[in-house]
């Protein structure tokens, strides 16, 4: 049986909530990721940072989860920032032209505004 859970570290720093998923965000793990994001957004942080540094692969279900997160964040007045995308994951955003709609920065420090 395939493991459908996704390990996600959660941290608060400088008014930001930082989610750090670890592993592939694919069809089987996107629901787990979606739930972690939803819980983080319920805390109504000023900024929700998703540190993608430990995500090596993301498929369209992962993208859909992030699009939903962005929509929900805007509705709640939460700034959503993605950081630390590896070249393969960034390419998925670029192919889907979603990089134009997300704030994507190189580091967590850039994302929380402490760089």
PDB file of N, CA and C in Angstrom:
ATOM      1  N   UNK A   1       0.839  -1.181   0.000  1.00  0.00           N
ATOM      2  CA  UNK A   1       0.000   0.000   0.000  1.00  0.00           C
ATOM      3  C   UNK A   1       0.886   1.247   0.000  1.00  0.00           C
ATOM      4  N   UNK A   2       0.553   2.198  -0.834  1.00  0.00           N
ATOM      5  CA  UNK A   2       1.353   3.411  -0.984  1.00  0.00           C
ATOM      6  C   UNK A   2       1.107   4.362   0.182  1.00  0.00           C
ATOM      7  N   UNK A   3       2.184   4.988   0.665  1.00  0.00           N
ATOM      8  CA  UNK A   3       2.084   5.968   1.740  1.00  0.00           C
ATOM      9  C   UNK A   3       1.505   7.251   1.166  1.00  0.00           C
ATOM     10  N   UNK A   4       0.352   7.670   1.688  1.00  0.00           N
ATOM     11  CA  UNK A   4      -0.293   8.867   1.163  1.00  0.00           C
ATOM     12  C   UNK A   4      -0.113  10.074   2.069  1.00  0.00           C
ATOM     13  N   UNK A   5       0.615   9.914   3.164  1.00  0.00           N
ATOM     14  CA  UNK A   5       0.853  11.057   4.040  1.00  0.00           C
ATOM     15  C   UNK A   5       2.084  11.816   3.558  1.00  0.00           C
ATOM     16  N   UNK A   6       2.115  13.075   3.898  1.00  0.00           N
ATOM     17  CA  UNK A   6       3.232  13.930   3.517  1.00  0.00           C
ATOM     18  C   UNK A   6       3.763  14.561   4.792  1.00  0.00           C
ATOM     19  N   UNK A   7       5.044  14.421   5.023  1.00  0.00           N
ATOM     20  CA  UNK A   7       5.662  15.042   6.184  1.00  0.00           C
ATOM     21  C   UNK A   7       5.759  16.550   5.935  1.00  0.00           C
ATOM     22  N   UNK A   8       5.254  17.340   6.872  1.00  0.00           N
ATOM     23  CA  UNK A   8       5.286  18.798   6.740  1.00  0.00           C
ATOM     24  C   UNK A   8       5.712  19.389   8.074  1.00  0.00           C
ATOM     25  N   UNK A   9       6.819  20.149   8.047  1.00  0.00           N
ATOM     26  CA  UNK A   9       7.258  20.879   9.243  1.00  0.00           C
ATOM     27  C   UNK A   9       6.537  22.227   9.254  1.00  0.00           C
ATOM     28  N   UNK A  10       6.130  22.672  10.432  1.00  0.00           N
ATOM     29  CA  UNK A  10       5.439  23.954  10.574  1.00  0.00           C
ATOM     30  C   UNK A  10       6.184  24.781  11.606  1.00  0.00           C
ATOM     31  N   UNK A  11       6.422  26.046  11.244  1.00  0.00           N
ATOM     32  CA  UNK A  11       7.197  26.942  12.106  1.00  0.00           C
ATOM     33  C   UNK A  11       6.610  28.345  11.995  1.00  0.00           C
ATOM     34  N   UNK A  12       6.694  29.115  13.053  1.00  0.00           N
ATOM     35  CA  UNK A  12       6.294  30.524  13.024  1.00  0.00           C
ATOM     36  C   UNK A  12       7.537  31.379  13.176  1.00  0.00           C
ATOM     37  N   UNK A  13       7.615  32.423  12.342  1.00  0.00           N
ATOM     38  CA  UNK A  13       8.767  33.323  12.406  1.00  0.00           C
ATOM     39  C   UNK A  13       8.375  34.697  11.871  1.00  0.00           C
ATOM     40  N   UNK A  14       8.614  35.736  12.648  1.00  0.00           N
ATOM     41  CA  UNK A  14       8.404  37.121  12.222  1.00  0.00           C
ATOM     42  C   UNK A  14       7.027  37.352  11.602  1.00  0.00           C
ATOM     43  N   UNK A  15       5.974  36.850  12.233  1.00  0.00           N
ATOM     44  CA  UNK A  15       4.614  37.049  11.734  1.00  0.00           C
ATOM     45  C   UNK A  15       4.224  36.137  10.587  1.00  0.00           C
ATOM     46  N   UNK A  16       5.112  35.232  10.234  1.00  0.00           N
ATOM     47  CA  UNK A  16       4.854  34.303   9.136  1.00  0.00           C
ATOM     48  C   UNK A  16       4.704  32.885   9.669  1.00  0.00           C
ATOM     49  N   UNK A  17       3.860  32.115   9.013  1.00  0.00           N
ATOM     50  CA  UNK A  17       3.811  30.676   9.243  1.00  0.00           C
ATOM     51  C   UNK A  17       4.528  30.031   8.073  1.00  0.00           C
ATOM     52  N   UNK A  18       5.489  29.173   8.373  1.00  0.00           N
ATOM     53  CA  UNK A  18       6.293  28.522   7.336  1.00  0.00           C
ATOM     54  C   UNK A  18       5.945  27.042   7.315  1.00  0.00           C
ATOM     55  N   UNK A  19       5.472  26.578   6.164  1.00  0.00           N
ATOM     56  CA  UNK A  19       5.206  25.152   5.945  1.00  0.00           C
ATOM     57  C   UNK A  19       6.332  24.608   5.095  1.00  0.00           C
ATOM     58  N   UNK A  20       6.910  23.508   5.517  1.00  0.00           N
ATOM     59  CA  UNK A  20       8.009  22.888   4.768  1.00  0.00           C
ATOM     60  C   UNK A  20       7.656  21.432   4.475  1.00  0.00           C
ATOM     61  N   UNK A  21       6.994  21.186   3.331  1.00  0.00           N
ATOM     62  CA  UNK A  21       6.691  19.802   2.969  1.00  0.00           C
ATOM     63  C   UNK A  21       7.967  19.058   2.602  1.00  0.00           C
ATOM     64  N   UNK A  22       7.988  17.776   2.898  1.00  0.00           N
ATOM     65  CA  UNK A  22       9.157  16.956   2.603  1.00  0.00           C
ATOM     66  C   UNK A  22       8.698  15.729   1.824  1.00  0.00           C
ATOM     67  N   UNK A  23       9.083  15.668   0.568  1.00  0.00           N
ATOM     68  CA  UNK A  23       8.694  14.549  -0.286  1.00  0.00           C
ATOM     69  C   UNK A  23       7.973  15.034  -1.522  1.00  0.00           C
ATOM     70  N   UNK A  24       7.573  14.093  -2.341  1.00  0.00           N
ATOM     71  CA  UNK A  24       6.862  14.424  -3.572  1.00  0.00           C
ATOM     72  C   UNK A  24       5.437  14.862  -3.254  1.00  0.00           C
ATOM     73  N   UNK A  25       4.971  15.885  -3.969  1.00  0.00           N
ATOM     74  CA  UNK A  25       3.578  16.316  -3.849  1.00  0.00           C
ATOM     75  C   UNK A  25       2.887  15.866  -5.132  1.00  0.00           C
ATOM     76  N   UNK A  26       2.287  14.690  -5.046  1.00  0.00           N
ATOM     77  CA  UNK A  26       1.636  14.094  -6.211  1.00  0.00           C
ATOM     78  C   UNK A  26       0.186  13.766  -5.864  1.00  0.00           C
ATOM     79  N   UNK A  27      -0.482  13.080  -6.774  1.00  0.00           N
ATOM     80  CA  UNK A  27      -1.903  12.802  -6.594  1.00  0.00           C
ATOM     81  C   UNK A  27      -2.203  12.100  -5.268  1.00  0.00           C
ATOM     82  N   UNK A  28      -1.338  11.201  -4.859  1.00  0.00           N
ATOM     83  CA  UNK A  28      -1.609  10.456  -3.625  1.00  0.00           C
ATOM     84  C   UNK A  28      -1.352  11.287  -2.367  1.00  0.00           C
ATOM     85  N   UNK A  29      -0.458  12.268  -2.448  1.00  0.00           N
ATOM     86  CA  UNK A  29      -0.101  13.049  -1.255  1.00  0.00           C
ATOM     87  C   UNK A  29      -0.709  14.452  -1.228  1.00  0.00           C
ATOM     88  N   UNK A  30      -1.285  14.894  -2.339  1.00  0.00           N
ATOM     89  CA  UNK A  30      -1.865  16.239  -2.386  1.00  0.00           C
ATOM     90  C   UNK A  30      -2.959  16.448  -1.332  1.00  0.00           C
ATOM     91  N   UNK A  31      -3.833  15.465  -1.067  1.00  0.00           N
ATOM     92  CA  UNK A  31      -4.846  15.698  -0.027  1.00  0.00           C
ATOM     93  C   UNK A  31      -4.234  15.969   1.355  1.00  0.00           C
ATOM     94  N   UNK A  32      -3.171  15.274   1.698  1.00  0.00           N
ATOM     95  CA  UNK A  32      -2.480  15.506   2.967  1.00  0.00           C
ATOM     96  C   UNK A  32      -1.881  16.914   2.985  1.00  0.00           C
ATOM     97  N   UNK A  33      -1.248  17.307   1.887  1.00  0.00           N
ATOM     98  CA  UNK A  33      -0.661  18.640   1.765  1.00  0.00           C
ATOM     99  C   UNK A  33      -1.753  19.703   1.881  1.00  0.00           C
ATOM    100  N   UNK A  34      -2.868  19.492   1.180  1.00  0.00           N
ATOM    101  CA  UNK A  34      -3.988  20.437   1.209  1.00  0.00           C
ATOM    102  C   UNK A  34      -4.470  20.650   2.654  1.00  0.00           C
ATOM    103  N   UNK A  35      -4.555  19.579   3.419  1.00  0.00           N
ATOM    104  CA  UNK A  35      -5.020  19.682   4.805  1.00  0.00           C
ATOM    105  C   UNK A  35      -4.031  20.478   5.662  1.00  0.00           C
ATOM    106  N   UNK A  36      -2.739  20.261   5.476  1.00  0.00           N
ATOM    107  CA  UNK A  36      -1.733  21.040   6.216  1.00  0.00           C
ATOM    108  C   UNK A  36      -1.850  22.528   5.879  1.00  0.00           C
ATOM    109  N   UNK A  37      -2.025  22.839   4.605  1.00  0.00           N
ATOM    110  CA  UNK A  37      -2.155  24.241   4.185  1.00  0.00           C
ATOM    111  C   UNK A  37      -3.426  24.844   4.781  1.00  0.00           C
ATOM    112  N   UNK A  38      -4.516  24.102   4.726  1.00  0.00           N
ATOM    113  CA  UNK A  38      -5.794  24.590   5.252  1.00  0.00           C
ATOM    114  C   UNK A  38      -5.683  24.923   6.744  1.00  0.00           C
ATOM    115  N   UNK A  39      -5.081  24.035   7.502  1.00  0.00           N
ATOM    116  CA  UNK A  39      -4.911  24.260   8.940  1.00  0.00           C
ATOM    117  C   UNK A  39      -4.039  25.499   9.185  1.00  0.00           C
ATOM    118  N   UNK A  40      -2.969  25.650   8.416  1.00  0.00           N
ATOM    119  CA  UNK A  40      -2.098  26.826   8.569  1.00  0.00           C
ATOM    120  C   UNK A  40      -2.861  28.110   8.259  1.00  0.00           C
ATOM    121  N   UNK A  41      -3.705  28.088   7.230  1.00  0.00           N
ATOM    122  CA  UNK A  41      -4.464  29.284   6.871  1.00  0.00           C
ATOM    123  C   UNK A  41      -5.519  29.621   7.923  1.00  0.00           C
ATOM    124  N   UNK A  42      -6.028  28.630   8.615  1.00  0.00           N
ATOM    125  CA  UNK A  42      -7.019  28.890   9.666  1.00  0.00           C
ATOM    126  C   UNK A  42      -6.426  29.709  10.804  1.00  0.00           C
ATOM    127  N   UNK A  43      -5.109  29.637  10.982  1.00  0.00           N
ATOM    128  CA  UNK A  43      -4.438  30.438  11.998  1.00  0.00           C
ATOM    129  C   UNK A  43      -4.317  31.898  11.621  1.00  0.00           C
ATOM    130  N   UNK A  44      -4.689  32.247  10.403  1.00  0.00           N
ATOM    131  CA  UNK A  44      -4.684  33.612   9.870  1.00  0.00           C
ATOM    132  C   UNK A  44      -3.353  34.348  10.074  1.00  0.00           C
ATOM    133  N   UNK A  45      -2.248  33.748   9.622  1.00  0.00           N
ATOM    134  CA  UNK A  45      -0.971  34.469   9.712  1.00  0.00           C
ATOM    135  C   UNK A  45      -0.967  35.640   8.726  1.00  0.00           C
ATOM    136  N   UNK A  46      -0.101  36.614   8.959  1.00  0.00           N
ATOM    137  CA  UNK A  46       0.061  37.698   7.979  1.00  0.00           C
ATOM    138  C   UNK A  46       0.540  37.125   6.653  1.00  0.00           C
ATOM    139  N   UNK A  47       1.459  36.169   6.771  1.00  0.00           N
ATOM    140  CA  UNK A  47       2.101  35.601   5.588  1.00  0.00           C
ATOM    141  C   UNK A  47       2.209  34.095   5.777  1.00  0.00           C
ATOM    142  N   UNK A  48       1.880  33.368   4.729  1.00  0.00           N
ATOM    143  CA  UNK A  48       2.064  31.921   4.717  1.00  0.00           C
ATOM    144  C   UNK A  48       3.163  31.618   3.710  1.00  0.00           C
ATOM    145  N   UNK A  49       4.265  31.094   4.212  1.00  0.00           N
ATOM    146  CA  UNK A  49       5.418  30.755   3.380  1.00  0.00           C
ATOM    147  C   UNK A  49       5.421  29.245   3.189  1.00  0.00           C
ATOM    148  N   UNK A  50       5.515  28.821   1.947  1.00  0.00           N
ATOM    149  CA  UNK A  50       5.638  27.395   1.669  1.00  0.00           C
ATOM    150  C   UNK A  50       7.041  27.167   1.126  1.00  0.00           C
ATOM    151  N   UNK A  51       7.861  26.550   1.969  1.00  0.00           N
ATOM    152  CA  UNK A  51       9.263  26.260   1.654  1.00  0.00           C
ATOM    153  C   UNK A  51       9.298  24.930   0.904  1.00  0.00           C
ATOM    154  N   UNK A  52       9.564  25.007  -0.391  1.00  0.00           N
ATOM    155  CA  UNK A  52       9.523  23.830  -1.262  1.00  0.00           C
ATOM    156  C   UNK A  52      10.891  23.174  -1.416  1.00  0.00           C
ATOM    157  N   UNK A  53      11.838  23.516  -0.558  1.00  0.00           N
ATOM    158  CA  UNK A  53      13.202  23.016  -0.682  1.00  0.00           C
ATOM    159  C   UNK A  53      13.353  21.508  -0.606  1.00  0.00           C
ATOM    160  N   UNK A  54      12.426  20.820   0.056  1.00  0.00           N
ATOM    161  CA  UNK A  54      12.500  19.362   0.193  1.00  0.00           C
ATOM    162  C   UNK A  54      11.515  18.637  -0.726  1.00  0.00           C
ATOM    163  N   UNK A  55      10.942  19.374  -1.685  1.00  0.00           N
ATOM    164  CA  UNK A  55      10.013  18.772  -2.652  1.00  0.00           C
ATOM    165  C   UNK A  55      10.763  18.587  -3.963  1.00  0.00           C
ATOM    166  N   UNK A  56      10.970  17.344  -4.344  1.00  0.00           N
ATOM    167  CA  UNK A  56      11.708  17.061  -5.575  1.00  0.00           C
ATOM    168  C   UNK A  56      10.800  16.945  -6.786  1.00  0.00           C
ATOM    169  N   UNK A  57       9.515  16.643  -6.552  1.00  0.00           N
ATOM    170  CA  UNK A  57       8.589  16.433  -7.658  1.00  0.00           C
ATOM    171  C   UNK A  57       7.211  16.936  -7.257  1.00  0.00           C
ATOM    172  N   UNK A  58       6.536  17.584  -8.205  1.00  0.00           N
ATOM    173  CA  UNK A  58       5.165  18.026  -7.981  1.00  0.00           C
ATOM    174  C   UNK A  58       4.397  17.832  -9.276  1.00  0.00           C
ATOM    175  N   UNK A  59       3.217  17.222  -9.181  1.00  0.00           N
ATOM    176  CA  UNK A  59       2.402  17.051 -10.378  1.00  0.00           C
ATOM    177  C   UNK A  59       1.250  18.065 -10.362  1.00  0.00           C
ATOM    178  N   UNK A  60       0.319  17.912 -11.288  1.00  0.00           N
ATOM    179  CA  UNK A  60      -0.768  18.881 -11.423  1.00  0.00           C
ATOM    180  C   UNK A  60      -1.660  18.936 -10.184  1.00  0.00           C
ATOM    181  N   UNK A  61      -1.773  17.843  -9.452  1.00  0.00           N
ATOM    182  CA  UNK A  61      -2.585  17.886  -8.232  1.00  0.00           C
ATOM    183  C   UNK A  61      -1.916  18.748  -7.161  1.00  0.00           C
ATOM    184  N   UNK A  62      -0.597  18.747  -7.127  1.00  0.00           N
ATOM    185  CA  UNK A  62       0.126  19.640  -6.225  1.00  0.00           C
ATOM    186  C   UNK A  62      -0.053  21.093  -6.623  1.00  0.00           C
ATOM    187  N   UNK A  63       0.008  21.352  -7.938  1.00  0.00           N
ATOM    188  CA  UNK A  63      -0.235  22.712  -8.430  1.00  0.00           C
ATOM    189  C   UNK A  63      -1.644  23.165  -8.067  1.00  0.00           C
ATOM    190  N   UNK A  64      -2.621  22.281  -8.273  1.00  0.00           N
ATOM    191  CA  UNK A  64      -4.008  22.629  -7.958  1.00  0.00           C
ATOM    192  C   UNK A  64      -4.160  22.964  -6.475  1.00  0.00           C
ATOM    193  N   UNK A  65      -3.467  22.235  -5.629  1.00  0.00           N
ATOM    194  CA  UNK A  65      -3.503  22.509  -4.191  1.00  0.00           C
ATOM    195  C   UNK A  65      -2.972  23.910  -3.899  1.00  0.00           C
ATOM    196  N   UNK A  66      -1.892  24.292  -4.572  1.00  0.00           N
ATOM    197  CA  UNK A  66      -1.311  25.619  -4.343  1.00  0.00           C
ATOM    198  C   UNK A  66      -2.181  26.727  -4.929  1.00  0.00           C
ATOM    199  N   UNK A  67      -2.822  26.474  -6.069  1.00  0.00           N
ATOM    200  CA  UNK A  67      -3.745  27.466  -6.635  1.00  0.00           C
ATOM    201  C   UNK A  67      -4.912  27.685  -5.671  1.00  0.00           C
ATOM    202  N   UNK A  68      -5.444  26.602  -5.135  1.00  0.00           N
ATOM    203  CA  UNK A  68      -6.523  26.705  -4.144  1.00  0.00           C
ATOM    204  C   UNK A  68      -6.043  27.471  -2.909  1.00  0.00           C
ATOM    205  N   UNK A  69      -4.833  27.185  -2.462  1.00  0.00           N
ATOM    206  CA  UNK A  69      -4.263  27.879  -1.302  1.00  0.00           C
ATOM    207  C   UNK A  69      -4.124  29.369  -1.571  1.00  0.00           C
ATOM    208  N   UNK A  70      -3.702  29.715  -2.791  1.00  0.00           N
ATOM    209  CA  UNK A  70      -3.546  31.125  -3.141  1.00  0.00           C
ATOM    210  C   UNK A  70      -4.909  31.825  -3.126  1.00  0.00           C
ATOM    211  N   UNK A  71      -5.914  31.177  -3.707  1.00  0.00           N
ATOM    212  CA  UNK A  71      -7.261  31.755  -3.716  1.00  0.00           C
ATOM    213  C   UNK A  71      -7.771  31.972  -2.288  1.00  0.00           C
ATOM    214  N   UNK A  72      -7.612  30.962  -1.466  1.00  0.00           N
ATOM    215  CA  UNK A  72      -8.064  31.071  -0.075  1.00  0.00           C
ATOM    216  C   UNK A  72      -7.290  32.140   0.686  1.00  0.00           C
ATOM    217  N   UNK A  73      -5.986  32.215   0.454  1.00  0.00           N
ATOM    218  CA  UNK A  73      -5.154  33.220   1.126  1.00  0.00           C
ATOM    219  C   UNK A  73      -5.607  34.628   0.754  1.00  0.00           C
ATOM    220  N   UNK A  74      -5.832  34.857  -0.533  1.00  0.00           N
ATOM    221  CA  UNK A  74      -6.287  36.189  -0.962  1.00  0.00           C
ATOM    222  C   UNK A  74      -7.604  36.541  -0.301  1.00  0.00           C
ATOM    223  N   UNK A  75      -8.515  35.579  -0.226  1.00  0.00           N
ATOM    224  CA  UNK A  75      -9.812  35.815   0.395  1.00  0.00           C
ATOM    225  C   UNK A  75      -9.713  36.135   1.879  1.00  0.00           C
ATOM    226  N   UNK A  76      -8.665  35.650   2.524  1.00  0.00           N
ATOM    227  CA  UNK A  76      -8.465  35.865   3.961  1.00  0.00           C
ATOM    228  C   UNK A  76      -7.473  36.990   4.255  1.00  0.00           C
ATOM    229  N   UNK A  77      -6.921  37.624   3.209  1.00  0.00           N
ATOM    230  CA  UNK A  77      -5.943  38.689   3.411  1.00  0.00           C
ATOM    231  C   UNK A  77      -4.584  38.190   3.861  1.00  0.00           C
ATOM    232  N   UNK A  78      -4.258  36.955   3.491  1.00  0.00           N
ATOM    233  CA  UNK A  78      -2.972  36.350   3.842  1.00  0.00           C
ATOM    234  C   UNK A  78      -2.067  36.393   2.615  1.00  0.00           C
ATOM    235  N   UNK A  79      -0.838  36.854   2.800  1.00  0.00           N
ATOM    236  CA  UNK A  79       0.126  36.825   1.702  1.00  0.00           C
ATOM    237  C   UNK A  79       0.699  35.408   1.601  1.00  0.00           C
ATOM    238  N   UNK A  80       0.634  34.815   0.410  1.00  0.00           N
ATOM    239  CA  UNK A  80       1.191  33.482   0.177  1.00  0.00           C
ATOM    240  C   UNK A  80       2.482  33.632  -0.609  1.00  0.00           C
ATOM    241  N   UNK A  81       3.559  33.042  -0.097  1.00  0.00           N
ATOM    242  CA  UNK A  81       4.867  33.128  -0.741  1.00  0.00           C
ATOM    243  C   UNK A  81       5.446  31.722  -0.852  1.00  0.00           C
ATOM    244  N   UNK A  82       5.958  31.390  -2.028  1.00  0.00           N
ATOM    245  CA  UNK A  82       6.652  30.119  -2.241  1.00  0.00           C
ATOM    246  C   UNK A  82       8.144  30.399  -2.288  1.00  0.00           C
ATOM    247  N   UNK A  83       8.940  29.489  -1.739  1.00  0.00           N
ATOM    248  CA  UNK A  83      10.386  29.688  -1.792  1.00  0.00           C
ATOM    249  C   UNK A  83      11.109  28.361  -1.962  1.00  0.00           C
ATOM    250  N   UNK A  84      12.373  28.480  -2.326  1.00  0.00           N
ATOM    251  CA  UNK A  84      13.301  27.347  -2.399  1.00  0.00           C
ATOM    252  C   UNK A  84      12.874  26.286  -3.411  1.00  0.00           C
ATOM    253  N   UNK A  85      12.244  26.684  -4.507  1.00  0.00           N
ATOM    254  CA  UNK A  85      11.823  25.711  -5.513  1.00  0.00           C
ATOM    255  C   UNK A  85      13.038  25.184  -6.262  1.00  0.00           C
ATOM    256  N   UNK A  86      13.128  23.866  -6.382  1.00  0.00           N
ATOM    257  CA  UNK A  86      14.217  23.314  -7.180  1.00  0.00           C
ATOM    258  C   UNK A  86      13.877  23.509  -8.658  1.00  0.00           C
ATOM    259  N   UNK A  87      14.854  23.400  -9.548  1.00  0.00           N
ATOM    260  CA  UNK A  87      14.612  23.681 -10.968  1.00  0.00           C
ATOM    261  C   UNK A  87      13.488  22.849 -11.590  1.00  0.00           C
ATOM    262  N   UNK A  88      13.350  21.581 -11.196  1.00  0.00           N
ATOM    263  CA  UNK A  88      12.286  20.741 -11.771  1.00  0.00           C
ATOM    264  C   UNK A  88      10.901  21.229 -11.353  1.00  0.00           C
ATOM    265  N   UNK A  89      10.749  21.579 -10.097  1.00  0.00           N
ATOM    266  CA  UNK A  89       9.451  22.058  -9.614  1.00  0.00           C
ATOM    267  C   UNK A  89       9.153  23.434 -10.206  1.00  0.00           C
ATOM    268  N   UNK A  90      10.147  24.304 -10.265  1.00  0.00           N
ATOM    269  CA  UNK A  90       9.953  25.614 -10.878  1.00  0.00           C
ATOM    270  C   UNK A  90       9.542  25.469 -12.338  1.00  0.00           C
ATOM    271  N   UNK A  91      10.124  24.507 -13.042  1.00  0.00           N
ATOM    272  CA  UNK A  91       9.770  24.277 -14.449  1.00  0.00           C
ATOM    273  C   UNK A  91       8.293  23.916 -14.592  1.00  0.00           C
ATOM    274  N   UNK A  92       7.753  23.161 -13.654  1.00  0.00           N
ATOM    275  CA  UNK A  92       6.326  22.814 -13.696  1.00  0.00           C
ATOM    276  C   UNK A  92       5.487  24.089 -13.597  1.00  0.00           C
ATOM    277  N   UNK A  93       5.862  25.003 -12.714  1.00  0.00           N
ATOM    278  CA  UNK A  93       5.158  26.280 -12.597  1.00  0.00           C
ATOM    279  C   UNK A  93       5.268  27.080 -13.889  1.00  0.00           C
ATOM    280  N   UNK A  94       6.453  27.099 -14.476  1.00  0.00           N
ATOM    281  CA  UNK A  94       6.664  27.871 -15.699  1.00  0.00           C
ATOM    282  C   UNK A  94       5.894  27.282 -16.877  1.00  0.00           C
ATOM    283  N   UNK A  95       5.890  25.963 -17.017  1.00  0.00           N
ATOM    284  CA  UNK A  95       5.150  25.320 -18.106  1.00  0.00           C
ATOM    285  C   UNK A  95       3.658  25.643 -17.994  1.00  0.00           C
ATOM    286  N   UNK A  96       3.142  25.639 -16.776  1.00  0.00           N
ATOM    287  CA  UNK A  96       1.731  25.955 -16.547  1.00  0.00           C
ATOM    288  C   UNK A  96       1.484  27.468 -16.500  1.00  0.00           C
ATOM    289  N   UNK A  97       2.550  28.246 -16.623  1.00  0.00           N
ATOM    290  CA  UNK A  97       2.516  29.709 -16.556  1.00  0.00           C
ATOM    291  C   UNK A  97       1.987  30.234 -15.214  1.00  0.00           C
ATOM    292  N   UNK A  98       2.107  29.430 -14.204  1.00  0.00           N
ATOM    293  CA  UNK A  98       1.637  29.841 -12.878  1.00  0.00           C
ATOM    294  C   UNK A  98       2.654  30.689 -12.131  1.00  0.00           C
ATOM    295  N   UNK A  99       3.909  30.675 -12.581  1.00  0.00           N
ATOM    296  CA  UNK A  99       4.930  31.494 -11.923  1.00  0.00           C
ATOM    297  C   UNK A  99       4.577  32.978 -11.984  1.00  0.00           C
ATOM    298  N   UNK A 100       3.703  33.347 -12.919  1.00  0.00           N
ATOM    299  CA  UNK A 100       3.290  34.744 -13.055  1.00  0.00           C
ATOM    300  C   UNK A 100       2.306  35.162 -11.964  1.00  0.00           C
ATOM    301  N   UNK A 101       1.670  34.194 -11.319  1.00  0.00           N
ATOM    302  CA  UNK A 101       0.611  34.488 -10.359  1.00  0.00           C
ATOM    303  C   UNK A 101       1.029  34.294  -8.907  1.00  0.00           C
ATOM    304  N   UNK A 102       2.133  33.615  -8.700  1.00  0.00           N
ATOM    305  CA  UNK A 102       2.631  33.372  -7.348  1.00  0.00           C
ATOM    306  C   UNK A 102       3.830  34.267  -7.072  1.00  0.00           C
ATOM    307  N   UNK A 103       3.999  34.637  -5.817  1.00  0.00           N
ATOM    308  CA  UNK A 103       5.250  35.284  -5.413  1.00  0.00           C
ATOM    309  C   UNK A 103       6.214  34.150  -5.086  1.00  0.00           C
ATOM    310  N   UNK A 104       7.273  34.037  -5.877  1.00  0.00           N
ATOM    311  CA  UNK A 104       8.273  32.983  -5.710  1.00  0.00           C
ATOM    312  C   UNK A 104       9.613  33.652  -5.446  1.00  0.00           C
ATOM    313  N   UNK A 105      10.237  33.299  -4.325  1.00  0.00           N
ATOM    314  CA  UNK A 105      11.518  33.895  -3.940  1.00  0.00           C
ATOM    315  C   UNK A 105      12.524  32.781  -3.666  1.00  0.00           C
ATOM    316  N   UNK A 106      13.829  33.119  -3.684  1.00  0.00           N
ATOM    317  CA  UNK A 106      14.850  32.079  -3.551  1.00  0.00           C
ATOM    318  C   UNK A 106      14.971  31.435  -2.170  1.00  0.00           C
ATOM    319  N   UNK A 107      14.770  32.206  -1.091  1.00  0.00           N
ATOM    320  CA  UNK A 107      15.061  31.675   0.245  1.00  0.00           C
ATOM    321  C   UNK A 107      13.916  31.951   1.223  1.00  0.00           C
ATOM    322  N   UNK A 108      13.937  31.243   2.333  1.00  0.00           N
ATOM    323  CA  UNK A 108      12.965  31.489   3.401  1.00  0.00           C
ATOM    324  C   UNK A 108      13.150  32.905   3.941  1.00  0.00           C
ATOM    325  N   UNK A 109      14.397  33.338   4.103  1.00  0.00           N
ATOM    326  CA  UNK A 109      14.662  34.696   4.600  1.00  0.00           C
ATOM    327  C   UNK A 109      14.033  35.741   3.682  1.00  0.00           C
ATOM    328  N   UNK A 110      14.144  35.536   2.367  1.00  0.00           N
ATOM    329  CA  UNK A 110      13.489  36.453   1.423  1.00  0.00           C
ATOM    330  C   UNK A 110      11.971  36.420   1.613  1.00  0.00           C
ATOM    331  N   UNK A 111      11.436  35.243   1.841  1.00  0.00           N
ATOM    332  CA  UNK A 111       9.988  35.078   1.961  1.00  0.00           C
ATOM    333  C   UNK A 111       9.427  35.764   3.204  1.00  0.00           C
ATOM    334  N   UNK A 112      10.152  35.693   4.315  1.00  0.00           N
ATOM    335  CA  UNK A 112       9.656  36.315   5.548  1.00  0.00           C
ATOM    336  C   UNK A 112      10.101  37.769   5.675  1.00  0.00           C
ATOM    337  N   UNK A 113      10.888  38.233   4.708  1.00  0.00           N
ATOM    338  CA  UNK A 113      11.298  39.628   4.698  1.00  0.00           C
ATOM    339  C   UNK A 113      12.461  39.951   5.599  1.00  0.00           C
ATOM    340  N   UNK A 114      13.277  38.940   5.911  1.00  0.00           N
ATOM    341  CA  UNK A 114      14.420  39.189   6.792  1.00  0.00           C
ATOM    342  C   UNK A 114      15.743  39.119   6.050  1.00  0.00           C
ATOM    343  N   UNK A 115      15.692  39.028   4.733  1.00  0.00           N
ATOM    344  CA  UNK A 115      16.940  38.920   3.950  1.00  0.00           C
ATOM    345  C   UNK A 115      17.587  40.274   3.794  1.00  0.00           C
TER     346      UNK A 115
END
